[in-house]
Amino acid sequence: MIKKSFERYLYLKPETPVHKDLEGFFTEEVALEIDVIIDVLNQSALSEATLIILNEIHLRIQKAGFCLVIIKSNLTDVFNYKNLVCIPTLQEAEDYIEMEFIQRDLGI
């Protein structure tokens, strides 16, 4: 898995299969104090196991007051992702994180 830390977010790019890379990464011991971008552009479709893990990660991050953004170019199956924020490019994901940061800063 590719992992890069930036000032305002953590960027993760899991290798295949995605759920195996992410399974042990977000444990109860990991303090989530930053927004997270997960890049799955290299995946044509996400498995049910991956969606379950992504939803669990999303809930943990949201509970901590931050957001999770998924980078996925093929959004034809976006309805399978329910509560997940799916965006097609890294630049748009960074913009989304920036807007979320501004809203938190303003108390919105």
C-alpha atoms as a PDB file:
ATOM      1  CA  MET A   1       0.000   0.000   0.000  1.00  0.00           C
ATOM      2  CA  ILE A   2       1.209   3.488  -0.817  1.00  0.00           C
ATOM      3  CA  LYS A   3       0.867   5.817   2.187  1.00  0.00           C
ATOM      4  CA  LYS A   4       1.675   9.539   2.143  1.00  0.00           C
ATOM      5  CA  SER A   5       1.009  12.100   4.848  1.00  0.00           C
ATOM      6  CA  PHE A   6       0.220  15.661   3.857  1.00  0.00           C
ATOM      7  CA  GLU A   7      -0.548  18.714   5.973  1.00  0.00           C
ATOM      8  CA  ARG A   8      -4.316  18.261   5.874  1.00  0.00           C
ATOM      9  CA  TYR A   9      -4.854  14.629   4.930  1.00  0.00           C
ATOM     10  CA  LEU A  10      -3.527  11.098   4.748  1.00  0.00           C
ATOM     11  CA  TYR A  11      -3.346   9.600   1.231  1.00  0.00           C
ATOM     12  CA  LEU A  12      -3.631   5.825   0.850  1.00  0.00           C
ATOM     13  CA  LYS A  13      -3.448   3.814  -2.349  1.00  0.00           C
ATOM     14  CA  PRO A  14      -4.083   0.147  -1.557  1.00  0.00           C
ATOM     15  CA  GLU A  15      -2.898  -2.606  -3.851  1.00  0.00           C
ATOM     16  CA  THR A  16      -5.156  -5.458  -4.861  1.00  0.00           C
ATOM     17  CA  PRO A  17      -7.151  -6.784  -3.116  1.00  0.00           C
ATOM     18  CA  VAL A  18      -8.095  -3.502  -1.459  1.00  0.00           C
ATOM     19  CA  HIS A  19      -9.817  -4.984   1.602  1.00  0.00           C
ATOM     20  CA  LYS A  20      -6.719  -7.014   2.528  1.00  0.00           C
ATOM     21  CA  ASP A  21      -4.557  -3.853   2.535  1.00  0.00           C
ATOM     22  CA  LEU A  22      -7.061  -1.852   4.589  1.00  0.00           C
ATOM     23  CA  GLU A  23      -8.169  -4.571   7.032  1.00  0.00           C
ATOM     24  CA  GLY A  24      -5.473  -4.107   9.649  1.00  0.00           C
ATOM     25  CA  PHE A  25      -4.652  -0.488   8.924  1.00  0.00           C
ATOM     26  CA  PHE A  26      -7.544   1.153  10.775  1.00  0.00           C
ATOM     27  CA  THR A  27      -7.665  -0.545  14.159  1.00  0.00           C
ATOM     28  CA  GLU A  28      -9.097   0.768  17.399  1.00  0.00           C
ATOM     29  CA  GLU A  29      -5.570   1.705  18.495  1.00  0.00           C
ATOM     30  CA  VAL A  30      -5.022   4.027  15.528  1.00  0.00           C
ATOM     31  CA  ALA A  31      -5.983   7.597  16.420  1.00  0.00           C
ATOM     32  CA  LEU A  32      -7.828   9.172  13.528  1.00  0.00           C
ATOM     33  CA  GLU A  33      -7.065  12.858  13.757  1.00  0.00           C
ATOM     34  CA  ILE A  34      -6.873  13.705  10.072  1.00  0.00           C
ATOM     35  CA  ASP A  35      -8.948  13.490   6.902  1.00  0.00           C
ATOM     36  CA  VAL A  36      -8.245  10.456   4.726  1.00  0.00           C
ATOM     37  CA  ILE A  37      -8.204   9.995   0.936  1.00  0.00           C
ATOM     38  CA  ILE A  38      -8.238   6.415  -0.336  1.00  0.00           C
ATOM     39  CA  ASP A  39      -7.334   6.066  -4.014  1.00  0.00           C
ATOM     40  CA  VAL A  40      -8.928   3.038  -5.700  1.00  0.00           C
ATOM     41  CA  LEU A  41      -8.495   4.219  -9.286  1.00  0.00           C
ATOM     42  CA  ASN A  42      -6.672   0.966 -10.064  1.00  0.00           C
ATOM     43  CA  GLN A  43      -9.826  -1.035  -9.207  1.00  0.00           C
ATOM     44  CA  SER A  44     -12.577  -1.515 -11.773  1.00  0.00           C
ATOM     45  CA  ALA A  45     -15.146  -2.645  -9.200  1.00  0.00           C
ATOM     46  CA  LEU A  46     -14.952  -2.950  -5.436  1.00  0.00           C
ATOM     47  CA  SER A  47     -15.892  -6.204  -3.749  1.00  0.00           C
ATOM     48  CA  GLU A  48     -18.519  -6.488  -1.038  1.00  0.00           C
ATOM     49  CA  ALA A  49     -15.748  -7.114   1.526  1.00  0.00           C
ATOM     50  CA  THR A  50     -14.013  -3.896   0.450  1.00  0.00           C
ATOM     51  CA  LEU A  51     -17.248  -1.885   0.701  1.00  0.00           C
ATOM     52  CA  ILE A  52     -17.869  -3.211   4.214  1.00  0.00           C
ATOM     53  CA  ILE A  53     -14.369  -2.190   5.337  1.00  0.00           C
ATOM     54  CA  LEU A  54     -14.632   1.222   3.644  1.00  0.00           C
ATOM     55  CA  ASN A  55     -17.953   1.866   5.403  1.00  0.00           C
ATOM     56  CA  GLU A  56     -16.433   0.868   8.769  1.00  0.00           C
ATOM     57  CA  ILE A  57     -13.479   3.195   8.166  1.00  0.00           C
ATOM     58  CA  HIS A  58     -15.861   5.975   7.107  1.00  0.00           C
ATOM     59  CA  LEU A  59     -17.867   5.650  10.331  1.00  0.00           C
ATOM     60  CA  ARG A  60     -14.742   5.713  12.535  1.00  0.00           C
ATOM     61  CA  ILE A  61     -13.337   8.764  10.752  1.00  0.00           C
ATOM     62  CA  GLN A  62     -16.695  10.556  10.789  1.00  0.00           C
ATOM     63  CA  LYS A  63     -17.096   9.824  14.512  1.00  0.00           C
ATOM     64  CA  ALA A  64     -13.702  11.467  15.099  1.00  0.00           C
ATOM     65  CA  GLY A  65     -14.922  14.596  13.266  1.00  0.00           C
ATOM     66  CA  PHE A  66     -13.038  14.108  10.002  1.00  0.00           C
ATOM     67  CA  CYS A  67     -13.931  12.838   6.541  1.00  0.00           C
ATOM     68  CA  LEU A  68     -13.063   9.999   4.199  1.00  0.00           C
ATOM     69  CA  VAL A  69     -12.932  10.567   0.445  1.00  0.00           C
ATOM     70  CA  ILE A  70     -12.674   7.724  -2.062  1.00  0.00           C
ATOM     71  CA  ILE A  71     -11.052   8.415  -5.453  1.00  0.00           C
ATOM     72  CA  LYS A  72     -12.828   6.266  -8.012  1.00  0.00           C
ATOM     73  CA  SER A  73     -13.143   7.140 -11.685  1.00  0.00           C
ATOM     74  CA  ASN A  74     -15.859   4.653 -12.667  1.00  0.00           C
ATOM     75  CA  LEU A  75     -18.869   5.995 -10.798  1.00  0.00           C
ATOM     76  CA  THR A  76     -21.507   3.973 -12.651  1.00  0.00           C
ATOM     77  CA  ASP A  77     -21.946   1.762  -9.585  1.00  0.00           C
ATOM     78  CA  VAL A  78     -21.893   4.685  -7.135  1.00  0.00           C
ATOM     79  CA  PHE A  79     -25.215   3.651  -5.576  1.00  0.00           C
ATOM     80  CA  ASN A  80     -23.433   0.641  -4.044  1.00  0.00           C
ATOM     81  CA  TYR A  81     -21.302   3.016  -1.973  1.00  0.00           C
ATOM     82  CA  LYS A  82     -24.162   4.472   0.083  1.00  0.00           C
ATOM     83  CA  ASN A  83     -22.607   6.937   2.554  1.00  0.00           C
ATOM     84  CA  LEU A  84     -19.149   7.063   0.980  1.00  0.00           C
ATOM     85  CA  VAL A  85     -17.946  10.229  -0.739  1.00  0.00           C
ATOM     86  CA  CYS A  86     -16.651   9.120  -4.158  1.00  0.00           C
ATOM     87  CA  ILE A  87     -14.801  11.631  -6.328  1.00  0.00           C
ATOM     88  CA  PRO A  88     -13.098  10.941  -9.696  1.00  0.00           C
ATOM     89  CA  THR A  89      -9.740  12.764  -9.286  1.00  0.00           C
ATOM     90  CA  LEU A  90      -7.144  13.535  -6.642  1.00  0.00           C
ATOM     91  CA  GLN A  91      -7.472  17.286  -7.256  1.00  0.00           C
ATOM     92  CA  GLU A  92     -11.225  17.155  -6.595  1.00  0.00           C
ATOM     93  CA  ALA A  93     -10.615  15.050  -3.479  1.00  0.00           C
ATOM     94  CA  GLU A  94      -8.121  17.639  -2.199  1.00  0.00           C
ATOM     95  CA  ASP A  95     -10.657  20.410  -2.913  1.00  0.00           C
ATOM     96  CA  TYR A  96     -13.337  18.475  -1.017  1.00  0.00           C
ATOM     97  CA  ILE A  97     -11.007  18.046   1.974  1.00  0.00           C
ATOM     98  CA  GLU A  98     -10.222  21.780   1.862  1.00  0.00           C
ATOM     99  CA  MET A  99     -13.949  22.651   1.921  1.00  0.00           C
ATOM    100  CA  GLU A 100     -14.504  20.271   4.846  1.00  0.00           C
ATOM    101  CA  PHE A 101     -11.589  21.885   6.712  1.00  0.00           C
ATOM    102  CA  ILE A 102     -13.032  25.361   6.151  1.00  0.00           C
ATOM    103  CA  GLN A 103     -16.461  24.242   7.380  1.00  0.00           C
ATOM    104  CA  ARG A 104     -14.958  22.730  10.540  1.00  0.00           C
ATOM    105  CA  ASP A 105     -12.920  25.896  11.078  1.00  0.00           C
ATOM    106  CA  LEU A 106     -16.073  28.006  10.812  1.00  0.00           C
ATOM    107  CA  GLY A 107     -18.016  25.633  13.052  1.00  0.00           C
ATOM    108  CA  ILE A 108     -20.528  24.681  10.386  1.00  0.00           C
END
